[in-house]
Amino acid sequence: MSSPTDRPPARQRRRTRATRARILDAALRELGRNPDSSLGDIAEAAGVARRTLYTHFAGRAALVRGLAEDAVRAIGHAMADVSALDAGRGDGVEDDPASALARFVLTLWPVGDAYRTLIGLAPQDLGPDHLSELLAPARETVAGILAEGQRRGVFHTVVPPGPLSAAVEAHLLALLGTVNAGIWADDGSGAATSALIAAGVDSATATATVRGLHDPGPLPAARRHH
């Protein structure tokens, strides 16, 4: 059994973490620019020797797994932020499902934007089930919001909340794909508005709801399309 004196010094551990983070940052940039970038390209972009990269990641799949692990942590932090925002309102008023969905998209969008490259890489490098595992917590939250919104007459009821959640997710992933392709740019406002419309909120109310989250004030009750 190792003793405390066998552990690397704190400075070395910090340096190791910093190098790993630099490699992952470079991987996101290079793979976003060219999904076929080699590990040598990524090492060069990170400013490290190739052998240093292999010290941290045994190969391309391990590197993409590292990106996925970072994405899971980022999604977890973002979802915690959503919960904290909801709890911090402290006004005793139950959140409108349209506002809840818009707030969720606005909070998660920067994470999706940062890791949109991973969405394309995951099925190829990690297998088709890994992306589902990555998105599972967000899917459950959105399905819950949609179910409540349908119950309260805010969202359409043409399809159940599970399939509706899958449709909204596919819509948002498609929008991220256009960002990745360089044909659209968004801070999340357009995506959140579009998600509300896809769920059945009329466009004027969807726009006002998202705008109200940027500039808090009285929000209109969401109306469904008929």
Protein backbone atom coordinates (compact mmCIF):
# COMPACT_ATOMS: atom_id res chain seq x y z
CA MET A 1 0.00 0.00 0.00
CA SER A 2 1.33 3.43 -0.92
CA SER A 3 1.99 5.99 1.77
CA PRO A 4 1.21 9.71 1.62
CA THR A 5 4.86 10.34 0.80
CA ASP A 6 4.43 8.27 -2.40
CA ARG A 7 1.86 10.69 -3.79
CA PRO A 8 3.04 13.27 -6.35
CA PRO A 9 3.60 16.74 -4.90
CA ALA A 10 0.61 19.09 -5.13
CA ARG A 11 2.39 21.27 -7.67
CA GLN A 12 2.96 18.29 -9.94
CA ARG A 13 -0.68 17.23 -9.66
CA ARG A 14 -1.81 20.75 -10.60
CA ARG A 15 0.55 20.71 -13.57
CA THR A 16 -0.79 17.33 -14.67
CA ARG A 17 -4.40 18.55 -14.48
CA ALA A 18 -3.50 21.72 -16.37
CA THR A 19 -1.81 19.73 -19.13
CA ARG A 20 -4.80 17.40 -19.43
CA ALA A 21 -7.16 20.37 -19.66
CA ARG A 22 -4.97 21.99 -22.32
CA ILE A 23 -5.03 18.80 -24.39
CA LEU A 24 -8.82 18.53 -24.13
CA ASP A 25 -9.27 22.19 -25.08
CA ALA A 26 -7.04 21.67 -28.11
CA ALA A 27 -8.95 18.49 -29.00
CA LEU A 28 -12.26 20.38 -29.04
CA ARG A 29 -10.79 23.06 -31.31
CA GLU A 30 -9.00 20.73 -33.70
CA LEU A 31 -11.74 18.11 -33.94
CA GLY A 32 -14.28 20.88 -34.45
CA ARG A 33 -12.17 22.22 -37.29
CA ASN A 34 -11.48 18.77 -38.74
CA PRO A 35 -13.03 15.61 -37.22
CA ASP A 36 -10.20 13.58 -38.79
CA SER A 37 -7.47 15.50 -36.94
CA SER A 38 -4.75 13.14 -35.75
CA LEU A 39 -3.48 12.88 -32.20
CA GLY A 40 -0.27 14.43 -33.48
CA ASP A 41 -2.23 17.45 -34.72
CA ILE A 42 -3.94 17.75 -31.34
CA ALA A 43 -0.67 17.42 -29.42
CA GLU A 44 0.88 20.16 -31.57
CA ALA A 45 -2.14 22.42 -31.05
CA ALA A 46 -1.90 21.82 -27.28
CA GLY A 47 1.81 22.63 -27.28
CA VAL A 48 2.82 19.23 -25.87
CA ALA A 49 4.86 16.33 -27.15
CA ARG A 50 2.93 13.43 -28.62
CA ARG A 51 4.25 11.13 -25.89
CA THR A 52 2.83 13.55 -23.31
CA LEU A 53 -0.60 13.25 -24.91
CA TYR A 54 -0.33 9.46 -24.76
CA THR A 55 0.55 9.72 -21.07
CA HIS A 56 -2.91 11.16 -20.50
CA PHE A 57 -4.90 9.41 -23.24
CA ALA A 58 -4.03 6.00 -24.68
CA GLY A 59 -5.66 6.76 -28.02
CA ARG A 60 -8.38 8.65 -29.86
CA ALA A 61 -11.25 6.81 -28.12
CA ALA A 62 -9.76 7.61 -24.71
CA LEU A 63 -9.41 11.25 -25.71
CA VAL A 64 -13.05 11.46 -26.83
CA ARG A 65 -14.06 9.72 -23.58
CA GLY A 66 -12.20 12.46 -21.74
CA LEU A 67 -14.22 15.07 -23.64
CA ALA A 68 -17.41 13.17 -22.79
CA GLU A 69 -16.52 13.09 -19.08
CA ASP A 70 -15.95 16.85 -19.13
CA ALA A 71 -19.27 17.32 -20.92
CA VAL A 72 -21.09 15.23 -18.30
CA ARG A 73 -19.63 17.39 -15.54
CA ALA A 74 -20.55 20.58 -17.43
CA ILE A 75 -24.12 19.36 -17.96
CA GLY A 76 -24.37 18.49 -14.27
CA HIS A 77 -23.15 21.95 -13.26
CA ALA A 78 -25.56 23.62 -15.70
CA MET A 79 -28.50 21.60 -14.39
CA ALA A 80 -27.51 22.50 -10.83
CA ASP A 81 -27.49 26.15 -11.93
CA VAL A 82 -31.04 25.75 -13.27
CA SER A 83 -32.14 24.28 -9.94
CA ALA A 84 -30.40 27.07 -8.04
CA LEU A 85 -32.08 29.71 -10.19
CA ASP A 86 -35.48 28.13 -9.57
CA ALA A 87 -34.84 27.88 -5.81
CA GLY A 88 -33.41 31.39 -5.68
CA ARG A 89 -36.58 32.96 -7.01
CA GLY A 90 -38.03 32.54 -3.53
CA ASP A 91 -41.33 34.16 -4.49
CA GLY A 92 -43.52 31.17 -3.71
CA VAL A 93 -44.93 31.25 -7.24
CA GLU A 94 -44.88 28.01 -9.20
CA ASP A 95 -42.80 28.41 -12.35
CA ASP A 96 -44.62 28.59 -15.66
CA PRO A 97 -43.62 25.49 -17.73
CA ALA A 98 -42.82 27.68 -20.75
CA SER A 99 -40.41 29.76 -18.65
CA ALA A 100 -38.95 26.58 -17.14
CA LEU A 101 -38.26 25.10 -20.58
CA ALA A 102 -36.81 28.34 -21.92
CA ARG A 103 -34.60 28.76 -18.84
CA PHE A 104 -33.39 25.18 -19.21
CA VAL A 105 -32.43 25.70 -22.87
CA LEU A 106 -30.75 29.04 -22.16
CA THR A 107 -28.67 27.52 -19.36
CA LEU A 108 -27.72 24.33 -21.23
CA TRP A 109 -27.08 25.98 -24.61
CA PRO A 110 -23.54 27.23 -23.77
CA VAL A 111 -22.62 23.67 -22.75
CA GLY A 112 -24.01 22.26 -25.98
CA ASP A 113 -22.28 25.01 -27.92
CA ALA A 114 -18.95 24.23 -26.26
CA TYR A 115 -19.28 20.47 -26.78
CA ARG A 116 -21.19 20.37 -30.07
CA THR A 117 -18.19 18.72 -31.72
CA LEU A 118 -18.57 15.82 -29.29
CA ILE A 119 -22.14 15.20 -30.44
CA GLY A 120 -20.84 14.29 -33.88
CA LEU A 121 -17.90 12.28 -32.58
CA ALA A 122 -19.65 10.22 -29.89
CA PRO A 123 -21.49 7.70 -32.11
CA GLN A 124 -18.35 7.06 -34.17
CA ASP A 125 -15.77 6.96 -31.41
CA LEU A 126 -17.73 5.78 -28.37
CA GLY A 127 -20.65 3.84 -29.80
CA PRO A 128 -24.30 4.80 -30.35
CA ASP A 129 -25.36 4.38 -26.71
CA HIS A 130 -22.84 6.79 -25.23
CA LEU A 131 -24.58 9.94 -26.46
CA SER A 132 -27.82 8.67 -24.92
CA GLU A 133 -26.07 8.19 -21.57
CA LEU A 134 -24.55 11.66 -21.87
CA LEU A 135 -27.91 13.33 -22.49
CA ALA A 136 -30.07 11.18 -20.19
CA PRO A 137 -30.30 13.62 -17.22
CA ALA A 138 -31.25 16.51 -19.50
CA ARG A 139 -33.80 14.34 -21.30
CA GLU A 140 -35.51 13.39 -18.06
CA THR A 141 -35.72 17.01 -16.95
CA VAL A 142 -37.16 18.21 -20.26
CA ALA A 143 -39.69 15.36 -20.36
CA GLY A 144 -40.85 16.36 -16.87
CA ILE A 145 -41.25 20.01 -17.87
CA LEU A 146 -43.17 19.02 -21.00
CA ALA A 147 -45.46 16.66 -19.07
CA GLU A 148 -46.32 19.43 -16.60
CA GLY A 149 -46.83 21.90 -19.45
CA GLN A 150 -49.18 19.51 -21.21
CA ARG A 151 -51.10 18.92 -17.99
CA ARG A 152 -51.54 22.67 -17.56
CA GLY A 153 -52.48 23.28 -21.19
CA VAL A 154 -49.32 25.23 -22.03
CA PHE A 155 -47.88 22.77 -24.56
CA HIS A 156 -49.71 20.81 -27.24
CA THR A 157 -50.76 17.24 -26.51
CA VAL A 158 -50.51 15.81 -30.01
CA VAL A 159 -47.76 13.47 -28.80
CA PRO A 160 -46.86 12.29 -25.26
CA PRO A 161 -44.08 14.06 -23.33
CA GLY A 162 -41.45 11.37 -24.02
CA PRO A 163 -41.69 11.54 -27.82
CA LEU A 164 -42.17 15.32 -27.65
CA SER A 165 -38.98 15.59 -25.60
CA ALA A 166 -37.15 13.50 -28.22
CA ALA A 167 -38.48 15.78 -30.97
CA VAL A 168 -37.41 18.95 -29.14
CA GLU A 169 -33.99 17.40 -28.47
CA ALA A 170 -33.54 16.50 -32.15
CA HIS A 171 -34.55 20.03 -33.08
CA LEU A 172 -31.99 21.57 -30.71
CA LEU A 173 -29.24 19.19 -31.86
CA ALA A 174 -30.01 20.16 -35.46
CA LEU A 175 -29.65 23.82 -34.51
CA LEU A 176 -26.31 23.05 -32.83
CA GLY A 177 -25.30 21.34 -36.06
CA THR A 178 -25.94 24.55 -38.01
CA VAL A 179 -23.77 26.43 -35.51
CA ASN A 180 -21.06 23.81 -35.99
CA ALA A 181 -21.35 24.26 -39.77
CA GLY A 182 -20.93 28.02 -39.38
CA ILE A 183 -24.28 28.92 -40.93
CA TRP A 184 -25.94 30.22 -37.75
CA ALA A 185 -24.89 31.86 -34.50
CA ASP A 186 -26.98 32.07 -31.36
CA ASP A 187 -26.57 32.88 -27.68
CA GLY A 188 -29.37 30.46 -26.84
CA SER A 189 -32.24 32.93 -27.23
CA GLY A 190 -33.18 31.72 -30.70
CA ALA A 191 -32.88 28.09 -29.64
CA ALA A 192 -35.03 28.63 -26.54
CA THR A 193 -37.70 30.48 -28.53
CA SER A 194 -37.68 27.77 -31.18
CA ALA A 195 -37.99 25.03 -28.54
CA LEU A 196 -41.07 26.71 -27.08
CA ILE A 197 -42.67 27.00 -30.52
CA ALA A 198 -41.87 23.34 -31.22
CA ALA A 199 -43.64 22.46 -27.96
CA GLY A 200 -46.73 24.37 -29.05
CA VAL A 201 -46.37 27.89 -27.66
CA ASP A 202 -47.33 30.65 -30.09
CA SER A 203 -44.41 32.62 -31.49
CA ALA A 204 -45.25 35.97 -29.88
CA THR A 205 -45.54 34.45 -26.40
CA ALA A 206 -42.41 32.34 -26.93
CA THR A 207 -40.42 35.43 -27.92
CA ALA A 208 -41.76 37.44 -24.97
CA THR A 209 -41.04 34.59 -22.54
CA VAL A 210 -37.40 34.32 -23.58
CA ARG A 211 -36.99 38.08 -23.60
CA GLY A 212 -38.48 38.21 -20.11
CA LEU A 213 -35.83 35.82 -18.82
CA HIS A 214 -33.13 38.18 -20.05
CA ASP A 215 -34.98 41.21 -18.67
CA PRO A 216 -37.13 39.90 -15.78
CA GLY A 217 -40.60 41.33 -15.54
CA PRO A 218 -44.21 40.19 -15.84
CA LEU A 219 -44.40 37.32 -18.32
CA PRO A 220 -47.50 36.43 -20.30
CA ALA A 221 -49.14 33.09 -19.69
CA ALA A 222 -48.13 30.78 -22.52
CA ARG A 223 -50.82 30.00 -25.07
CA ARG A 224 -51.03 26.86 -27.15
CA HIS A 225 -51.47 26.75 -30.90
CA HIS A 226 -54.86 25.33 -31.82
